[in-house]
Amino acid sequence: MKETNKTCLITGASSGIGKYIAYEMVHRGWRVVAIARRRNKLDELTEVLGRDNLIPMVCDVSEFDQVKDVSTELKNNNVCPTLFFLNAGDGTEEDDKGLDLELHRKIFDTNYFGTVNWINQWIVLLKERGGGTFVATSSIQSLRGMPGAAAYGASKSALNYCFESMDAMYCKDNIRFLLVYPGPVDTAMLKTNRPLPCTWKPQEAAKYIVRKVLRGSTKIQFPLFWVLIMRIVKLLPNRLYLRVFRMK
């Protein structure tokens, strides 16, 4: 992608992958609009990266009015990102005691609407200004239904379809919609009782994502080990797939 207006916006910027994407983008000479719910974490990030490089904005991405207010403030101050890393997410797991509708709504509000809320606020302006890029963090778990992840996987699958559709609709306007499919990354969202092989550090993931995005990749998947595993799992006949989980 062309690096003309070097201002980007990152959601979930206070920790994990989002935090290190902010590090990477500042290192590459970009000005970063850092979005997160926790003011203290944004203050810490600003202290490290510098006020000239970072614009911290407190916002809950699941709240449409907050996204609208932040976007309006940025536009009024002539801050117009051309690259959006829509990374904020909720990975709360489910149990088998019944379907928790409130949990499903909460996860969709963050993972799906917390992404498309930003597109709603900026896509018309990007179209008028000649283009831009939206990058959404999906998950390799969205490739096949996994136990305990009905809401999480469904929200990411919805996001996948949305981005693939929007990419086809707006490619003529030079607006791209890129999907990132991470496997295990060592952040607070990784909930496991035992270490998983080929788990990446968030710094490593951030560097890989930024490099791929700026080189114009259309789909970003990692680590290769888990990408291959999920492709195999996706091809398993349903009876065999269910037997695997019954054996655990």
C-alpha atoms as a PDB file:
ATOM      1  CA  MET A   1       0.000   0.000   0.000  1.00  0.00           C
ATOM      2  CA  LYS A   2       1.112   3.606  -0.590  1.00  0.00           C
ATOM      3  CA  GLU A   3       2.250   5.433   2.534  1.00  0.00           C
ATOM      4  CA  THR A   4       1.068   8.949   1.661  1.00  0.00           C
ATOM      5  CA  ASN A   5      -0.945  10.160   4.661  1.00  0.00           C
ATOM      6  CA  LYS A   6       0.951   8.321   7.375  1.00  0.00           C
ATOM      7  CA  THR A   7      -1.712   8.383  10.076  1.00  0.00           C
ATOM      8  CA  CYS A   8      -3.251   5.152  11.309  1.00  0.00           C
ATOM      9  CA  LEU A   9      -5.849   4.255  13.930  1.00  0.00           C
ATOM     10  CA  ILE A  10      -5.495   1.201  16.188  1.00  0.00           C
ATOM     11  CA  THR A  11      -8.229  -0.201  18.430  1.00  0.00           C
ATOM     12  CA  GLY A  12      -7.310  -2.367  21.398  1.00  0.00           C
ATOM     13  CA  ALA A  13      -4.074  -0.361  21.555  1.00  0.00           C
ATOM     14  CA  SER A  14      -3.499  -0.626  25.312  1.00  0.00           C
ATOM     15  CA  SER A  15      -2.245  -4.224  25.361  1.00  0.00           C
ATOM     16  CA  GLY A  16      -1.387  -7.329  23.363  1.00  0.00           C
ATOM     17  CA  ILE A  17      -1.101  -7.200  19.586  1.00  0.00           C
ATOM     18  CA  GLY A  18      -2.637  -3.724  19.343  1.00  0.00           C
ATOM     19  CA  LYS A  19      -0.058  -2.229  21.698  1.00  0.00           C
ATOM     20  CA  TYR A  20       2.839  -3.616  19.693  1.00  0.00           C
ATOM     21  CA  ILE A  21       1.296  -2.601  16.374  1.00  0.00           C
ATOM     22  CA  ALA A  22       1.406   0.930  17.797  1.00  0.00           C
ATOM     23  CA  TYR A  23       5.118   0.460  18.617  1.00  0.00           C
ATOM     24  CA  GLU A  24       5.802  -0.852  15.121  1.00  0.00           C
ATOM     25  CA  MET A  25       3.916   1.896  13.307  1.00  0.00           C
ATOM     26  CA  VAL A  26       5.579   4.695  15.275  1.00  0.00           C
ATOM     27  CA  HIS A  27       8.939   3.057  14.582  1.00  0.00           C
ATOM     28  CA  ARG A  28       8.072   3.200  10.870  1.00  0.00           C
ATOM     29  CA  GLY A  29       7.313   6.916  11.048  1.00  0.00           C
ATOM     30  CA  TRP A  30       3.524   6.850  11.313  1.00  0.00           C
ATOM     31  CA  ARG A  31       1.382   8.940  13.618  1.00  0.00           C
ATOM     32  CA  VAL A  32      -0.906   6.664  15.632  1.00  0.00           C
ATOM     33  CA  VAL A  33      -4.402   7.280  16.951  1.00  0.00           C
ATOM     34  CA  ALA A  34      -4.498   4.821  19.854  1.00  0.00           C
ATOM     35  CA  ILE A  35      -7.976   3.651  20.916  1.00  0.00           C
ATOM     36  CA  ALA A  36      -8.620   1.813  24.193  1.00  0.00           C
ATOM     37  CA  ARG A  37     -10.973   1.798  27.180  1.00  0.00           C
ATOM     38  CA  ARG A  38      -8.326   2.270  29.866  1.00  0.00           C
ATOM     39  CA  ARG A  39      -6.947   5.800  30.190  1.00  0.00           C
ATOM     40  CA  ASN A  40      -4.061   4.711  32.444  1.00  0.00           C
ATOM     41  CA  LYS A  41      -2.806   2.226  29.837  1.00  0.00           C
ATOM     42  CA  LEU A  42      -3.041   4.850  27.101  1.00  0.00           C
ATOM     43  CA  ASP A  43      -1.094   7.284  29.284  1.00  0.00           C
ATOM     44  CA  GLU A  44       1.644   4.670  29.742  1.00  0.00           C
ATOM     45  CA  LEU A  45       1.777   4.076  25.973  1.00  0.00           C
ATOM     46  CA  THR A  46       1.955   7.815  25.299  1.00  0.00           C
ATOM     47  CA  GLU A  47       4.795   8.173  27.789  1.00  0.00           C
ATOM     48  CA  VAL A  48       6.808   5.544  25.927  1.00  0.00           C
ATOM     49  CA  LEU A  49       6.016   6.502  22.320  1.00  0.00           C
ATOM     50  CA  GLY A  50       5.776  10.289  22.737  1.00  0.00           C
ATOM     51  CA  ARG A  51       2.956  12.801  22.386  1.00  0.00           C
ATOM     52  CA  ASP A  52       4.152  13.873  18.961  1.00  0.00           C
ATOM     53  CA  ASN A  53       3.686  10.323  17.676  1.00  0.00           C
ATOM     54  CA  LEU A  54       0.561   9.180  19.529  1.00  0.00           C
ATOM     55  CA  ILE A  55      -2.956  10.540  19.891  1.00  0.00           C
ATOM     56  CA  PRO A  56      -4.598   8.640  22.784  1.00  0.00           C
ATOM     57  CA  MET A  57      -8.403   8.384  22.701  1.00  0.00           C
ATOM     58  CA  VAL A  58     -10.526   6.628  25.319  1.00  0.00           C
ATOM     59  CA  CYS A  59     -13.355   4.728  23.642  1.00  0.00           C
ATOM     60  CA  ASP A  60     -15.373   1.546  24.100  1.00  0.00           C
ATOM     61  CA  VAL A  61     -15.643   0.267  20.528  1.00  0.00           C
ATOM     62  CA  SER A  62     -18.851  -1.618  21.316  1.00  0.00           C
ATOM     63  CA  GLU A  63     -20.618   1.710  21.994  1.00  0.00           C
ATOM     64  CA  PHE A  64     -21.651   3.317  18.708  1.00  0.00           C
ATOM     65  CA  ASP A  65     -22.024   6.804  20.204  1.00  0.00           C
ATOM     66  CA  GLN A  66     -18.491   6.711  21.613  1.00  0.00           C
ATOM     67  CA  VAL A  67     -17.044   5.668  18.243  1.00  0.00           C
ATOM     68  CA  LYS A  68     -19.038   8.437  16.573  1.00  0.00           C
ATOM     69  CA  ASP A  69     -17.861  11.073  19.074  1.00  0.00           C
ATOM     70  CA  VAL A  70     -14.191  10.077  18.766  1.00  0.00           C
ATOM     71  CA  SER A  71     -14.422  10.030  14.965  1.00  0.00           C
ATOM     72  CA  THR A  72     -16.093  13.446  14.909  1.00  0.00           C
ATOM     73  CA  GLU A  73     -13.405  14.901  17.185  1.00  0.00           C
ATOM     74  CA  LEU A  74     -10.644  13.544  14.957  1.00  0.00           C
ATOM     75  CA  LYS A  75     -12.275  14.919  11.801  1.00  0.00           C
ATOM     76  CA  ASN A  76     -12.800  18.325  13.437  1.00  0.00           C
ATOM     77  CA  ASN A  77      -9.083  18.395  14.227  1.00  0.00           C
ATOM     78  CA  ASN A  78      -8.217  17.370  10.653  1.00  0.00           C
ATOM     79  CA  VAL A  79      -6.856  14.006  11.775  1.00  0.00           C
ATOM     80  CA  CYS A  80      -7.856  11.580   9.040  1.00  0.00           C
ATOM     81  CA  PRO A  81      -6.330   8.088   9.244  1.00  0.00           C
ATOM     82  CA  THR A  82      -5.998   6.138   6.020  1.00  0.00           C
ATOM     83  CA  LEU A  83      -5.119   2.851   7.729  1.00  0.00           C
ATOM     84  CA  PHE A  84      -7.269   1.264  10.454  1.00  0.00           C
ATOM     85  CA  PHE A  85      -6.114  -1.697  12.556  1.00  0.00           C
ATOM     86  CA  LEU A  86      -9.429  -2.839  14.051  1.00  0.00           C
ATOM     87  CA  ASN A  87      -7.978  -5.148  16.632  1.00  0.00           C
ATOM     88  CA  ALA A  88     -10.105  -4.866  19.812  1.00  0.00           C
ATOM     89  CA  GLY A  89     -11.729  -8.163  20.732  1.00  0.00           C
ATOM     90  CA  ASP A  90     -13.529 -10.223  23.364  1.00  0.00           C
ATOM     91  CA  GLY A  91     -12.523 -13.883  23.641  1.00  0.00           C
ATOM     92  CA  THR A  92     -14.712 -14.928  26.582  1.00  0.00           C
ATOM     93  CA  GLU A  93     -15.221 -18.698  26.536  1.00  0.00           C
ATOM     94  CA  GLU A  94     -18.562 -20.470  27.060  1.00  0.00           C
ATOM     95  CA  ASP A  95     -19.536 -23.465  29.147  1.00  0.00           C
ATOM     96  CA  ASP A  96     -22.038 -26.238  28.382  1.00  0.00           C
ATOM     97  CA  LYS A  97     -24.677 -25.195  30.925  1.00  0.00           C
ATOM     98  CA  GLY A  98     -26.879 -23.444  28.387  1.00  0.00           C
ATOM     99  CA  LEU A  99     -26.686 -20.769  25.708  1.00  0.00           C
ATOM    100  CA  ASP A 100     -25.839 -17.390  27.241  1.00  0.00           C
ATOM    101  CA  LEU A 101     -27.563 -14.856  24.984  1.00  0.00           C
ATOM    102  CA  GLU A 102     -26.134 -11.871  26.843  1.00  0.00           C
ATOM    103  CA  LEU A 103     -22.621 -13.190  26.311  1.00  0.00           C
ATOM    104  CA  HIS A 104     -23.322 -13.648  22.592  1.00  0.00           C
ATOM    105  CA  ARG A 105     -24.603 -10.061  22.328  1.00  0.00           C
ATOM    106  CA  LYS A 106     -21.619  -8.721  24.278  1.00  0.00           C
ATOM    107  CA  ILE A 107     -19.087 -10.528  22.086  1.00  0.00           C
ATOM    108  CA  PHE A 108     -20.809  -9.480  18.853  1.00  0.00           C
ATOM    109  CA  ASP A 109     -20.982  -5.877  20.083  1.00  0.00           C
ATOM    110  CA  THR A 110     -17.192  -5.872  20.483  1.00  0.00           C
ATOM    111  CA  ASN A 111     -15.885  -8.245  17.826  1.00  0.00           C
ATOM    112  CA  TYR A 112     -18.309  -7.477  14.987  1.00  0.00           C
ATOM    113  CA  PHE A 113     -20.022  -4.146  15.627  1.00  0.00           C
ATOM    114  CA  GLY A 114     -16.906  -2.820  17.367  1.00  0.00           C
ATOM    115  CA  THR A 115     -15.265  -3.164  13.951  1.00  0.00           C
ATOM    116  CA  VAL A 116     -18.014  -2.072  11.567  1.00  0.00           C
ATOM    117  CA  ASN A 117     -18.808   0.977  13.744  1.00  0.00           C
ATOM    118  CA  TRP A 118     -15.485   2.453  12.586  1.00  0.00           C
ATOM    119  CA  ILE A 119     -16.131   1.596   8.950  1.00  0.00           C
ATOM    120  CA  ASN A 120     -19.496   3.339   9.207  1.00  0.00           C
ATOM    121  CA  GLN A 121     -17.829   6.538  10.437  1.00  0.00           C
ATOM    122  CA  TRP A 122     -14.955   6.704   7.939  1.00  0.00           C
ATOM    123  CA  ILE A 123     -15.719   4.927   4.678  1.00  0.00           C
ATOM    124  CA  VAL A 124     -17.456   7.851   2.967  1.00  0.00           C
ATOM    125  CA  LEU A 125     -14.563  10.185   3.777  1.00  0.00           C
ATOM    126  CA  LEU A 126     -12.003   7.622   2.587  1.00  0.00           C
ATOM    127  CA  LYS A 127     -13.935   7.247  -0.648  1.00  0.00           C
ATOM    128  CA  GLU A 128     -13.910  11.016  -1.154  1.00  0.00           C
ATOM    129  CA  ARG A 129     -10.179  11.213  -0.405  1.00  0.00           C
ATOM    130  CA  GLY A 130      -9.121   8.441  -2.767  1.00  0.00           C
ATOM    131  CA  GLY A 131      -8.910   5.316  -0.628  1.00  0.00           C
ATOM    132  CA  GLY A 132      -7.683   3.650   2.525  1.00  0.00           C
ATOM    133  CA  THR A 133      -7.346   0.307   4.268  1.00  0.00           C
ATOM    134  CA  PHE A 134      -9.278  -1.424   7.032  1.00  0.00           C
ATOM    135  CA  VAL A 135      -7.524  -4.361   8.732  1.00  0.00           C
ATOM    136  CA  ALA A 136      -9.615  -6.592  11.005  1.00  0.00           C
ATOM    137  CA  THR A 137      -8.286  -9.156  13.463  1.00  0.00           C
ATOM    138  CA  SER A 138     -10.197 -12.385  12.914  1.00  0.00           C
ATOM    139  CA  SER A 139      -8.995 -15.807  14.143  1.00  0.00           C
ATOM    140  CA  ILE A 140      -8.126 -19.193  12.735  1.00  0.00           C
ATOM    141  CA  GLN A 141     -10.823 -20.472  15.123  1.00  0.00           C
ATOM    142  CA  SER A 142     -13.372 -18.974  12.745  1.00  0.00           C
ATOM    143  CA  LEU A 143     -12.460 -21.618  10.147  1.00  0.00           C
ATOM    144  CA  ARG A 144     -14.379 -24.344  11.985  1.00  0.00           C
ATOM    145  CA  GLY A 145     -16.630 -24.434  15.047  1.00  0.00           C
ATOM    146  CA  MET A 146     -14.663 -25.143  18.233  1.00  0.00           C
ATOM    147  CA  PRO A 147     -16.015 -26.125  21.680  1.00  0.00           C
ATOM    148  CA  GLY A 148     -16.510 -23.148  23.986  1.00  0.00           C
ATOM    149  CA  ALA A 149     -16.245 -20.640  21.151  1.00  0.00           C
ATOM    150  CA  ALA A 150     -19.741 -20.477  19.651  1.00  0.00           C
ATOM    151  CA  ALA A 151     -20.097 -16.723  20.176  1.00  0.00           C
ATOM    152  CA  TYR A 152     -16.451 -15.872  19.539  1.00  0.00           C
ATOM    153  CA  GLY A 153     -16.141 -17.978  16.378  1.00  0.00           C
ATOM    154  CA  ALA A 154     -19.496 -16.793  15.029  1.00  0.00           C
ATOM    155  CA  SER A 155     -18.547 -13.140  15.538  1.00  0.00           C
ATOM    156  CA  LYS A 156     -15.275 -13.667  13.686  1.00  0.00           C
ATOM    157  CA  SER A 157     -16.963 -15.638  10.898  1.00  0.00           C
ATOM    158  CA  ALA A 158     -19.448 -12.796  10.447  1.00  0.00           C
ATOM    159  CA  LEU A 159     -16.518 -10.395  10.287  1.00  0.00           C
ATOM    160  CA  ASN A 160     -14.814 -12.557   7.653  1.00  0.00           C
ATOM    161  CA  TYR A 161     -17.858 -12.502   5.387  1.00  0.00           C
ATOM    162  CA  CYS A 162     -18.381  -8.777   5.911  1.00  0.00           C
ATOM    163  CA  PHE A 163     -14.795  -7.917   4.977  1.00  0.00           C
ATOM    164  CA  GLU A 164     -14.714 -10.199   1.953  1.00  0.00           C
ATOM    165  CA  SER A 165     -17.957  -8.630   0.709  1.00  0.00           C
ATOM    166  CA  MET A 166     -16.845  -5.056   1.411  1.00  0.00           C
ATOM    167  CA  ASP A 167     -13.502  -5.674  -0.288  1.00  0.00           C
ATOM    168  CA  ALA A 168     -15.325  -6.724  -3.458  1.00  0.00           C
ATOM    169  CA  MET A 169     -17.679  -3.734  -3.274  1.00  0.00           C
ATOM    170  CA  TYR A 170     -15.110  -1.014  -2.649  1.00  0.00           C
ATOM    171  CA  CYS A 171     -12.015  -2.188  -4.549  1.00  0.00           C
ATOM    172  CA  LYS A 172     -12.966   0.211  -7.362  1.00  0.00           C
ATOM    173  CA  ASP A 173     -12.667   3.064  -4.830  1.00  0.00           C
ATOM    174  CA  ASN A 174      -9.185   1.974  -3.721  1.00  0.00           C
ATOM    175  CA  ILE A 175     -10.513   0.951  -0.293  1.00  0.00           C
ATOM    176  CA  ARG A 176      -9.192  -2.397   0.921  1.00  0.00           C
ATOM    177  CA  PHE A 177     -10.528  -4.702   3.613  1.00  0.00           C
ATOM    178  CA  LEU A 178      -7.869  -7.101   4.937  1.00  0.00           C
ATOM    179  CA  LEU A 179      -8.338  -9.986   7.358  1.00  0.00           C
ATOM    180  CA  VAL A 180      -5.783 -11.233   9.866  1.00  0.00           C
ATOM    181  CA  TYR A 181      -6.180 -14.829  11.100  1.00  0.00           C
ATOM    182  CA  PRO A 182      -3.911 -15.281  14.138  1.00  0.00           C
ATOM    183  CA  GLY A 183      -3.341 -18.605  15.810  1.00  0.00           C
ATOM    184  CA  PRO A 184      -2.234 -18.730  19.478  1.00  0.00           C
ATOM    185  CA  VAL A 185      -0.626 -15.478  20.637  1.00  0.00           C
ATOM    186  CA  ASP A 186       0.639 -15.023  24.185  1.00  0.00           C
ATOM    187  CA  THR A 187      -1.845 -12.374  25.360  1.00  0.00           C
ATOM    188  CA  ALA A 188      -4.546 -12.186  28.035  1.00  0.00           C
ATOM    189  CA  MET A 189      -7.030 -13.626  25.517  1.00  0.00           C
ATOM    190  CA  LEU A 190      -5.111 -16.905  25.271  1.00  0.00           C
ATOM    191  CA  LYS A 191      -6.833 -19.169  27.779  1.00  0.00           C
ATOM    192  CA  THR A 192      -5.220 -22.590  28.066  1.00  0.00           C
ATOM    193  CA  ASN A 193      -4.162 -24.889  30.889  1.00  0.00           C
ATOM    194  CA  ARG A 194      -1.007 -25.981  29.102  1.00  0.00           C
ATOM    195  CA  PRO A 195       1.445 -24.303  26.720  1.00  0.00           C
ATOM    196  CA  LEU A 196       0.530 -24.581  23.058  1.00  0.00           C
ATOM    197  CA  PRO A 197       3.220 -25.297  20.468  1.00  0.00           C
ATOM    198  CA  CYS A 198       4.187 -22.485  18.124  1.00  0.00           C
ATOM    199  CA  THR A 199       2.588 -19.783  20.262  1.00  0.00           C
ATOM    200  CA  TRP A 200       3.791 -16.371  19.110  1.00  0.00           C
ATOM    201  CA  LYS A 201       4.661 -13.391  21.276  1.00  0.00           C
ATOM    202  CA  PRO A 202       2.500 -10.301  20.615  1.00  0.00           C
ATOM    203  CA  GLN A 203       5.591  -8.370  19.483  1.00  0.00           C
ATOM    204  CA  GLU A 204       6.300 -11.014  16.867  1.00  0.00           C
ATOM    205  CA  ALA A 205       2.685 -11.049  15.694  1.00  0.00           C
ATOM    206  CA  ALA A 206       2.552  -7.256  15.432  1.00  0.00           C
ATOM    207  CA  LYS A 207       5.720  -7.070  13.325  1.00  0.00           C
ATOM    208  CA  TYR A 208       4.418  -9.787  10.996  1.00  0.00           C
ATOM    209  CA  ILE A 209       0.992  -8.146  10.600  1.00  0.00           C
ATOM    210  CA  VAL A 210       2.402  -4.690   9.895  1.00  0.00           C
ATOM    211  CA  ARG A 211       4.928  -6.018   7.399  1.00  0.00           C
ATOM    212  CA  LYS A 212       2.267  -7.975   5.513  1.00  0.00           C
ATOM    213  CA  VAL A 213      -0.231  -5.098   5.507  1.00  0.00           C
ATOM    214  CA  LEU A 214       2.274  -2.552   4.197  1.00  0.00           C
ATOM    215  CA  ARG A 215       3.384  -5.010   1.507  1.00  0.00           C
ATOM    216  CA  GLY A 216      -0.208  -5.310   0.294  1.00  0.00           C
ATOM    217  CA  SER A 217      -1.033  -8.862   1.388  1.00  0.00           C
ATOM    218  CA  THR A 218      -4.694  -9.754   0.982  1.00  0.00           C
ATOM    219  CA  LYS A 219      -4.930 -12.408   3.711  1.00  0.00           C
ATOM    220  CA  ILE A 220      -2.651 -12.776   6.736  1.00  0.00           C
ATOM    221  CA  GLN A 221      -2.490 -16.113   8.589  1.00  0.00           C
ATOM    222  CA  PHE A 222      -0.015 -17.330  11.208  1.00  0.00           C
ATOM    223  CA  PRO A 223       1.698 -19.354  12.648  1.00  0.00           C
ATOM    224  CA  LEU A 224       2.054 -21.780   9.734  1.00  0.00           C
ATOM    225  CA  PHE A 225       1.824 -24.825  12.061  1.00  0.00           C
ATOM    226  CA  TRP A 226      -1.659 -23.818  13.278  1.00  0.00           C
ATOM    227  CA  VAL A 227      -2.807 -22.698   9.854  1.00  0.00           C
ATOM    228  CA  LEU A 228      -2.043 -26.192   8.528  1.00  0.00           C
ATOM    229  CA  ILE A 229      -3.673 -27.859  11.552  1.00  0.00           C
ATOM    230  CA  MET A 230      -6.879 -25.854  11.090  1.00  0.00           C
ATOM    231  CA  ARG A 231      -6.971 -26.615   7.379  1.00  0.00           C
ATOM    232  CA  ILE A 232      -6.792 -30.313   8.203  1.00  0.00           C
ATOM    233  CA  VAL A 233      -9.456 -29.964  10.916  1.00  0.00           C
ATOM    234  CA  LYS A 234     -11.713 -28.134   8.478  1.00  0.00           C
ATOM    235  CA  LEU A 235     -11.496 -31.091   6.065  1.00  0.00           C
ATOM    236  CA  LEU A 236     -12.333 -33.741   8.692  1.00  0.00           C
ATOM    237  CA  PRO A 237     -15.699 -35.475   8.246  1.00  0.00           C
ATOM    238  CA  ASN A 238     -18.098 -34.308  10.955  1.00  0.00           C
ATOM    239  CA  ARG A 239     -18.334 -37.719  12.672  1.00  0.00           C
ATOM    240  CA  LEU A 240     -14.558 -37.968  12.971  1.00  0.00           C
ATOM    241  CA  TYR A 241     -14.304 -34.355  14.137  1.00  0.00           C
ATOM    242  CA  LEU A 242     -16.839 -34.957  16.938  1.00  0.00           C
ATOM    243  CA  ARG A 243     -15.070 -38.166  17.975  1.00  0.00           C
ATOM    244  CA  VAL A 244     -11.844 -36.233  18.487  1.00  0.00           C
ATOM    245  CA  PHE A 245     -13.515 -33.965  21.033  1.00  0.00           C
ATOM    246  CA  ARG A 246     -15.375 -36.814  22.758  1.00  0.00           C
ATOM    247  CA  MET A 247     -11.997 -38.461  23.376  1.00  0.00           C
ATOM    248  CA  LYS A 248     -10.635 -35.450  25.253  1.00  0.00           C
END
